[in-house]
PDB file of N, CA and C in Angstrom:
ATOM      1  N   MET A   1     -35.974  60.468 160.043  1.00  0.00           N
ATOM      2  CA  MET A   1     -35.067  61.445 159.470  1.00  0.00           C
ATOM      3  C   MET A   1     -35.889  62.610 158.942  1.00  0.00           C
ATOM      4  N   GLU A   2     -35.410  63.779 159.228  1.00  0.00           N
ATOM      5  CA  GLU A   2     -36.041  65.001 158.776  1.00  0.00           C
ATOM      6  C   GLU A   2     -35.039  65.769 157.923  1.00  0.00           C
ATOM      7  N   LEU A   3     -35.471  66.298 156.784  1.00  0.00           N
ATOM      8  CA  LEU A   3     -34.597  67.079 155.893  1.00  0.00           C
ATOM      9  C   LEU A   3     -34.999  68.543 155.910  1.00  0.00           C
ATOM     10  N   PHE A   4     -34.001  69.415 155.916  1.00  0.00           N
ATOM     11  CA  PHE A   4     -34.274  70.846 155.790  1.00  0.00           C
ATOM     12  C   PHE A   4     -33.104  71.501 155.074  1.00  0.00           C
ATOM     13  N   LYS A   5     -33.340  72.685 154.556  1.00  0.00           N
ATOM     14  CA  LYS A   5     -32.320  73.411 153.796  1.00  0.00           C
ATOM     15  C   LYS A   5     -31.779  74.569 154.620  1.00  0.00           C
ATOM     16  N   ILE A   6     -30.486  74.826 154.445  1.00  0.00           N
ATOM     17  CA  ILE A   6     -29.860  75.995 155.064  1.00  0.00           C
ATOM     18  C   ILE A   6     -28.991  76.682 154.025  1.00  0.00           C
ATOM     19  N   SER A   7     -28.752  77.950 154.240  1.00  0.00           N
ATOM     20  CA  SER A   7     -27.835  78.729 153.406  1.00  0.00           C
ATOM     21  C   SER A   7     -26.907  79.487 154.323  1.00  0.00           C
ATOM     22  N   ILE A   8     -25.655  79.562 153.922  1.00  0.00           N
ATOM     23  CA  ILE A   8     -24.691  80.364 154.672  1.00  0.00           C
ATOM     24  C   ILE A   8     -24.017  81.324 153.701  1.00  0.00           C
ATOM     25  N   ASN A   9     -23.540  82.423 154.247  1.00  0.00           N
ATOM     26  CA  ASN A   9     -22.864  83.435 153.445  1.00  0.00           C
ATOM     27  C   ASN A   9     -21.385  83.402 153.787  1.00  0.00           C
ATOM     28  N   LYS A  10     -20.566  83.135 152.792  1.00  0.00           N
ATOM     29  CA  LYS A  10     -19.111  83.073 152.981  1.00  0.00           C
ATOM     30  C   LYS A  10     -18.453  83.890 151.883  1.00  0.00           C
ATOM     31  N   ASP A  11     -17.772  84.957 152.254  1.00  0.00           N
ATOM     32  CA  ASP A  11     -17.070  85.823 151.294  1.00  0.00           C
ATOM     33  C   ASP A  11     -17.997  86.290 150.173  1.00  0.00           C
ATOM     34  N   ASP A  12     -19.160  86.783 150.553  1.00  0.00           N
ATOM     35  CA  ASP A  12     -20.165  87.305 149.618  1.00  0.00           C
ATOM     36  C   ASP A  12     -20.713  86.243 148.664  1.00  0.00           C
ATOM     37  N   GLU A  13     -20.532  84.982 148.999  1.00  0.00           N
ATOM     38  CA  GLU A  13     -21.089  83.887 148.219  1.00  0.00           C
ATOM     39  C   GLU A  13     -22.080  83.136 149.106  1.00  0.00           C
ATOM     40  N   ILE A  14     -23.246  82.834 148.566  1.00  0.00           N
ATOM     41  CA  ILE A  14     -24.246  82.079 149.305  1.00  0.00           C
ATOM     42  C   ILE A  14     -24.072  80.603 148.974  1.00  0.00           C
ATOM     43  N   LEU A  15     -23.859  79.800 150.024  1.00  0.00           N
ATOM     44  CA  LEU A  15     -23.686  78.365 149.869  1.00  0.00           C
ATOM     45  C   LEU A  15     -24.936  77.676 150.410  1.00  0.00           C
ATOM     46  N   ASN A  16     -25.532  76.812 149.613  1.00  0.00           N
ATOM     47  CA  ASN A  16     -26.764  76.125 149.983  1.00  0.00           C
ATOM     48  C   ASN A  16     -26.484  74.664 150.300  1.00  0.00           C
ATOM     49  N   PHE A  17     -27.128  74.181 151.347  1.00  0.00           N
ATOM     50  CA  PHE A  17     -26.951  72.811 151.799  1.00  0.00           C
ATOM     51  C   PHE A  17     -28.304  72.226 152.197  1.00  0.00           C
ATOM     52  N   GLU A  18     -28.384  70.906 152.169  1.00  0.00           N
ATOM     53  CA  GLU A  18     -29.501  70.185 152.755  1.00  0.00           C
ATOM     54  C   GLU A  18     -28.962  69.470 153.974  1.00  0.00           C
ATOM     55  N   VAL A  19     -29.754  69.447 155.028  1.00  0.00           N
ATOM     56  CA  VAL A  19     -29.334  68.807 156.269  1.00  0.00           C
ATOM     57  C   VAL A  19     -30.336  67.717 156.617  1.00  0.00           C
ATOM     58  N   ALA A  20     -29.822  66.538 156.896  1.00  0.00           N
ATOM     59  CA  ALA A  20     -30.641  65.430 157.375  1.00  0.00           C
ATOM     60  C   ALA A  20     -30.459  65.360 158.886  1.00  0.00           C
ATOM     61  N   ASP A  21     -31.572  65.426 159.601  1.00  0.00           N
ATOM     62  CA  ASP A  21     -31.563  65.338 161.060  1.00  0.00           C
ATOM     63  C   ASP A  21     -32.043  63.945 161.441  1.00  0.00           C
ATOM     64  N   PHE A  22     -31.146  63.144 161.971  1.00  0.00           N
ATOM     65  CA  PHE A  22     -31.494  61.801 162.428  1.00  0.00           C
ATOM     66  C   PHE A  22     -31.896  61.921 163.896  1.00  0.00           C
ATOM     67  N   ILE A  23     -33.173  62.154 164.113  1.00  0.00           N
ATOM     68  CA  ILE A  23     -33.705  62.454 165.440  1.00  0.00           C
ATOM     69  C   ILE A  23     -33.368  61.356 166.444  1.00  0.00           C
ATOM     70  N   HIS A  24     -33.461  60.118 166.026  1.00  0.00           N
ATOM     71  CA  HIS A  24     -33.214  58.988 166.926  1.00  0.00           C
ATOM     72  C   HIS A  24     -31.903  58.301 166.569  1.00  0.00           C
ATOM     73  N   HIS A  25     -30.857  59.079 166.351  1.00  0.00           N
ATOM     74  CA  HIS A  25     -29.578  58.498 165.923  1.00  0.00           C
ATOM     75  C   HIS A  25     -28.948  57.673 167.042  1.00  0.00           C
ATOM     76  N   GLU A  26     -28.209  56.679 166.630  1.00  0.00           N
ATOM     77  CA  GLU A  26     -27.481  55.838 167.574  1.00  0.00           C
ATOM     78  C   GLU A  26     -26.212  55.342 166.900  1.00  0.00           C
ATOM     79  N   GLY A  27     -25.241  55.019 167.689  1.00  0.00           N
ATOM     80  CA  GLY A  27     -24.066  54.347 167.178  1.00  0.00           C
ATOM     81  C   GLY A  27     -23.175  55.199 166.319  1.00  0.00           C
ATOM     82  N   GLU A  28     -22.854  54.677 165.138  1.00  0.00           N
ATOM     83  CA  GLU A  28     -21.824  55.279 164.308  1.00  0.00           C
ATOM     84  C   GLU A  28     -22.325  56.358 163.354  1.00  0.00           C
ATOM     85  N   GLN A  29     -23.604  56.586 163.309  1.00  0.00           N
ATOM     86  CA  GLN A  29     -24.140  57.596 162.407  1.00  0.00           C
ATOM     87  C   GLN A  29     -24.165  58.954 163.108  1.00  0.00           C
ATOM     88  N   CYS A  30     -23.785  60.000 162.380  1.00  0.00           N
ATOM     89  CA  CYS A  30     -23.841  61.349 162.933  1.00  0.00           C
ATOM     90  C   CYS A  30     -25.304  61.773 163.084  1.00  0.00           C
ATOM     91  N   LYS A  31     -25.586  62.649 164.027  1.00  0.00           N
ATOM     92  CA  LYS A  31     -26.959  63.143 164.199  1.00  0.00           C
ATOM     93  C   LYS A  31     -27.378  63.982 163.000  1.00  0.00           C
ATOM     94  N   PHE A  32     -26.477  64.804 162.497  1.00  0.00           N
ATOM     95  CA  PHE A  32     -26.774  65.637 161.332  1.00  0.00           C
ATOM     96  C   PHE A  32     -25.816  65.283 160.207  1.00  0.00           C
ATOM     97  N   GLU A  33     -26.367  65.051 159.025  1.00  0.00           N
ATOM     98  CA  GLU A  33     -25.546  64.871 157.826  1.00  0.00           C
ATOM     99  C   GLU A  33     -25.865  66.022 156.882  1.00  0.00           C
ATOM    100  N   VAL A  34     -24.832  66.601 156.302  1.00  0.00           N
ATOM    101  CA  VAL A  34     -24.975  67.775 155.441  1.00  0.00           C
ATOM    102  C   VAL A  34     -24.654  67.367 154.007  1.00  0.00           C
ATOM    103  N   TYR A  35     -25.540  67.772 153.088  1.00  0.00           N
ATOM    104  CA  TYR A  35     -25.402  67.413 151.679  1.00  0.00           C
ATOM    105  C   TYR A  35     -25.330  68.676 150.825  1.00  0.00           C
ATOM    106  N   ARG A  36     -24.569  68.554 149.746  1.00  0.00           N
ATOM    107  CA  ARG A  36     -24.508  69.619 148.745  1.00  0.00           C
ATOM    108  C   ARG A  36     -24.573  68.945 147.387  1.00  0.00           C
ATOM    109  N   GLU A  37     -25.573  69.334 146.609  1.00  0.00           N
ATOM    110  CA  GLU A  37     -25.804  68.756 145.284  1.00  0.00           C
ATOM    111  C   GLU A  37     -25.908  67.236 145.357  1.00  0.00           C
ATOM    112  N   GLY A  38     -26.589  66.744 146.395  1.00  0.00           N
ATOM    113  CA  GLY A  38     -26.841  65.323 146.531  1.00  0.00           C
ATOM    114  C   GLY A  38     -25.717  64.503 147.134  1.00  0.00           C
ATOM    115  N   GLN A  39     -24.574  65.111 147.383  1.00  0.00           N
ATOM    116  CA  GLN A  39     -23.416  64.411 147.959  1.00  0.00           C
ATOM    117  C   GLN A  39     -23.261  64.782 149.432  1.00  0.00           C
ATOM    118  N   MET A  40     -23.036  63.786 150.270  1.00  0.00           N
ATOM    119  CA  MET A  40     -22.780  64.079 151.675  1.00  0.00           C
ATOM    120  C   MET A  40     -21.405  64.737 151.795  1.00  0.00           C
ATOM    121  N   VAL A  41     -21.366  65.896 152.433  1.00  0.00           N
ATOM    122  CA  VAL A  41     -20.112  66.635 152.558  1.00  0.00           C
ATOM    123  C   VAL A  41     -19.624  66.748 153.997  1.00  0.00           C
ATOM    124  N   ALA A  42     -20.532  66.550 154.969  1.00  0.00           N
ATOM    125  CA  ALA A  42     -20.121  66.687 156.369  1.00  0.00           C
ATOM    126  C   ALA A  42     -21.149  66.037 157.286  1.00  0.00           C
ATOM    127  N   GLY A  43     -20.701  65.749 158.493  1.00  0.00           N
ATOM    128  CA  GLY A  43     -21.582  65.229 159.520  1.00  0.00           C
ATOM    129  C   GLY A  43     -21.244  65.895 160.843  1.00  0.00           C
ATOM    130  N   PHE A  44     -22.266  66.103 161.658  1.00  0.00           N
ATOM    131  CA  PHE A  44     -22.076  66.750 162.961  1.00  0.00           C
ATOM    132  C   PHE A  44     -22.755  65.940 164.050  1.00  0.00           C
ATOM    133  N   GLU A  45     -22.174  66.017 165.230  1.00  0.00           N
ATOM    134  CA  GLU A  45     -22.655  65.299 166.400  1.00  0.00           C
ATOM    135  C   GLU A  45     -22.680  66.279 167.568  1.00  0.00           C
ATOM    136  N   PRO A  46     -23.747  66.325 168.362  1.00  0.00           N
ATOM    137  CA  PRO A  46     -23.738  67.210 169.533  1.00  0.00           C
ATOM    138  C   PRO A  46     -22.816  66.655 170.621  1.00  0.00           C
ATOM    139  N   ASP A  47     -22.093  67.559 171.288  1.00  0.00           N
ATOM    140  CA  ASP A  47     -21.277  67.124 172.415  1.00  0.00           C
ATOM    141  C   ASP A  47     -22.150  67.127 173.672  1.00  0.00           C
ATOM    142  N   ARG A  48     -21.561  66.900 174.807  1.00  0.00           N
ATOM    143  CA  ARG A  48     -22.365  66.817 176.033  1.00  0.00           C
ATOM    144  C   ARG A  48     -22.979  68.158 176.437  1.00  0.00           C
ATOM    145  N   HIS A  49     -22.497  69.257 175.845  1.00  0.00           N
ATOM    146  CA  HIS A  49     -23.055  70.585 176.107  1.00  0.00           C
ATOM    147  C   HIS A  49     -24.023  71.012 175.004  1.00  0.00           C
ATOM    148  N   GLU A  50     -24.311  70.075 174.093  1.00  0.00           N
ATOM    149  CA  GLU A  50     -25.222  70.286 172.973  1.00  0.00           C
ATOM    150  C   GLU A  50     -24.664  71.204 171.887  1.00  0.00           C
ATOM    151  N   TYR A  51     -23.353  71.446 171.881  1.00  0.00           N
ATOM    152  CA  TYR A  51     -22.715  72.150 170.778  1.00  0.00           C
ATOM    153  C   TYR A  51     -22.311  71.114 169.739  1.00  0.00           C
ATOM    154  N   LEU A  52     -22.401  71.481 168.472  1.00  0.00           N
ATOM    155  CA  LEU A  52     -22.076  70.522 167.426  1.00  0.00           C
ATOM    156  C   LEU A  52     -20.573  70.448 167.195  1.00  0.00           C
ATOM    157  N   ARG A  53     -20.119  69.230 167.026  1.00  0.00           N
ATOM    158  CA  ARG A  53     -18.720  68.992 166.672  1.00  0.00           C
ATOM    159  C   ARG A  53     -18.706  68.227 165.354  1.00  0.00           C
ATOM    160  N   ILE A  54     -17.647  68.383 164.618  1.00  0.00           N
ATOM    161  CA  ILE A  54     -17.508  67.710 163.322  1.00  0.00           C
ATOM    162  C   ILE A  54     -17.302  66.227 163.579  1.00  0.00           C
ATOM    163  N   CYS A  55     -18.109  65.407 162.924  1.00  0.00           N
ATOM    164  CA  CYS A  55     -17.938  63.972 163.095  1.00  0.00           C
ATOM    165  C   CYS A  55     -17.499  63.326 161.786  1.00  0.00           C
ATOM    166  N   LYS A  56     -17.752  63.981 160.650  1.00  0.00           N
ATOM    167  CA  LYS A  56     -17.290  63.501 159.338  1.00  0.00           C
ATOM    168  C   LYS A  56     -17.077  64.712 158.433  1.00  0.00           C
ATOM    169  N   ASN A  57     -16.111  64.594 157.535  1.00  0.00           N
ATOM    170  CA  ASN A  57     -15.877  65.654 156.551  1.00  0.00           C
ATOM    171  C   ASN A  57     -15.456  65.029 155.218  1.00  0.00           C
ATOM    172  N   PRO A  58     -16.313  64.165 154.636  1.00  0.00           N
ATOM    173  CA  PRO A  58     -15.936  63.517 153.380  1.00  0.00           C
ATOM    174  C   PRO A  58     -15.835  64.482 152.203  1.00  0.00           C
ATOM    175  N   GLY A  59     -16.465  65.654 152.315  1.00  0.00           N
ATOM    176  CA  GLY A  59     -16.400  66.643 151.246  1.00  0.00           C
ATOM    177  C   GLY A  59     -15.185  67.537 151.347  1.00  0.00           C
ATOM    178  N   ASN A  60     -14.336  67.291 152.362  1.00  0.00           N
ATOM    179  CA  ASN A  60     -13.145  68.098 152.574  1.00  0.00           C
ATOM    180  C   ASN A  60     -13.475  69.589 152.600  1.00  0.00           C
ATOM    181  N   ILE A  61     -14.541  69.922 153.317  1.00  0.00           N
ATOM    182  CA  ILE A  61     -15.007  71.304 153.443  1.00  0.00           C
ATOM    183  C   ILE A  61     -14.069  72.059 154.389  1.00  0.00           C
ATOM    184  N   HIS A  62     -13.760  73.289 154.035  1.00  0.00           N
ATOM    185  CA  HIS A  62     -12.884  74.130 154.854  1.00  0.00           C
ATOM    186  C   HIS A  62     -13.496  74.282 156.248  1.00  0.00           C
ATOM    187  N   GLU A  63     -12.650  74.247 157.272  1.00  0.00           N
ATOM    188  CA  GLU A  63     -13.123  74.277 158.659  1.00  0.00           C
ATOM    189  C   GLU A  63     -13.966  75.513 158.972  1.00  0.00           C
ATOM    190  N   GLU A  64     -13.634  76.648 158.389  1.00  0.00           N
ATOM    191  CA  GLU A  64     -14.421  77.863 158.635  1.00  0.00           C
ATOM    192  C   GLU A  64     -15.858  77.687 158.142  1.00  0.00           C
ATOM    193  N   VAL A  65     -16.028  77.059 156.994  1.00  0.00           N
ATOM    194  CA  VAL A  65     -17.364  76.805 156.454  1.00  0.00           C
ATOM    195  C   VAL A  65     -18.104  75.811 157.345  1.00  0.00           C
ATOM    196  N   LEU A  66     -17.403  74.797 157.831  1.00  0.00           N
ATOM    197  CA  LEU A  66     -18.020  73.832 158.733  1.00  0.00           C
ATOM    198  C   LEU A  66     -18.543  74.510 159.999  1.00  0.00           C
ATOM    199  N   HIS A  67     -17.778  75.447 160.526  1.00  0.00           N
ATOM    200  CA  HIS A  67     -18.224  76.170 161.720  1.00  0.00           C
ATOM    201  C   HIS A  67     -19.456  77.024 161.416  1.00  0.00           C
ATOM    202  N   LEU A  68     -19.508  77.627 160.241  1.00  0.00           N
ATOM    203  CA  LEU A  68     -20.688  78.405 159.857  1.00  0.00           C
ATOM    204  C   LEU A  68     -21.919  77.508 159.730  1.00  0.00           C
ATOM    205  N   ILE A  69     -21.737  76.323 159.166  1.00  0.00           N
ATOM    206  CA  ILE A  69     -22.844  75.369 159.050  1.00  0.00           C
ATOM    207  C   ILE A  69     -23.304  74.953 160.450  1.00  0.00           C
ATOM    208  N   ALA A  70     -22.366  74.608 161.323  1.00  0.00           N
ATOM    209  CA  ALA A  70     -22.721  74.196 162.685  1.00  0.00           C
ATOM    210  C   ALA A  70     -23.465  75.315 163.414  1.00  0.00           C
ATOM    211  N   ASP A  71     -22.996  76.553 163.279  1.00  0.00           N
ATOM    212  CA  ASP A  71     -23.670  77.687 163.915  1.00  0.00           C
ATOM    213  C   ASP A  71     -25.096  77.825 163.421  1.00  0.00           C
ATOM    214  N   LYS A  72     -25.296  77.632 162.122  1.00  0.00           N
ATOM    215  CA  LYS A  72     -26.634  77.756 161.533  1.00  0.00           C
ATOM    216  C   LYS A  72     -27.569  76.668 162.077  1.00  0.00           C
ATOM    217  N   ILE A  73     -27.060  75.436 162.151  1.00  0.00           N
ATOM    218  CA  ILE A  73     -27.878  74.333 162.676  1.00  0.00           C
ATOM    219  C   ILE A  73     -28.180  74.544 164.152  1.00  0.00           C
ATOM    220  N   GLU A  74     -27.173  74.945 164.931  1.00  0.00           N
ATOM    221  CA  GLU A  74     -27.396  75.204 166.364  1.00  0.00           C
ATOM    222  C   GLU A  74     -28.438  76.306 166.579  1.00  0.00           C
ATOM    223  N   ALA A  75     -28.447  77.309 165.728  1.00  0.00           N
ATOM    224  CA  ALA A  75     -29.398  78.413 165.863  1.00  0.00           C
ATOM    225  C   ALA A  75     -30.844  77.956 165.679  1.00  0.00           C
ATOM    226  N   LEU A  76     -31.035  76.808 165.021  1.00  0.00           N
ATOM    227  CA  LEU A  76     -32.391  76.290 164.807  1.00  0.00           C
ATOM    228  C   LEU A  76     -32.945  75.589 166.052  1.00  0.00           C
ATOM    229  N   ASN A  77     -32.098  75.409 167.064  1.00  0.00           N
ATOM    230  CA  ASN A  77     -32.504  74.784 168.327  1.00  0.00           C
ATOM    231  C   ASN A  77     -33.183  73.455 168.153  1.00  0.00           C
ATOM    232  N   LEU A  78     -32.560  72.581 167.376  1.00  0.00           N
ATOM    233  CA  LEU A  78     -33.115  71.249 167.163  1.00  0.00           C
ATOM    234  C   LEU A  78     -32.678  70.373 168.291  1.00  0.00           C
TER     235      LEU A  78
END
């Protein structure tokens, strides 16, 4: 597992997250888990085209914010 930080800008507010990248993920765990203030708020899984799709949303994060997070992670070309 590798951890890194990302920030996104939403309505002139900067939102900070930590992302766990499970490089060798298998089964029921998402490849990427997103945390805010130590709490898991979302999980993402690459589809067959390598675009991220939402696999968990325990933080009930607004879909627009989830898409911004996914775009940021995809831009890192992991």
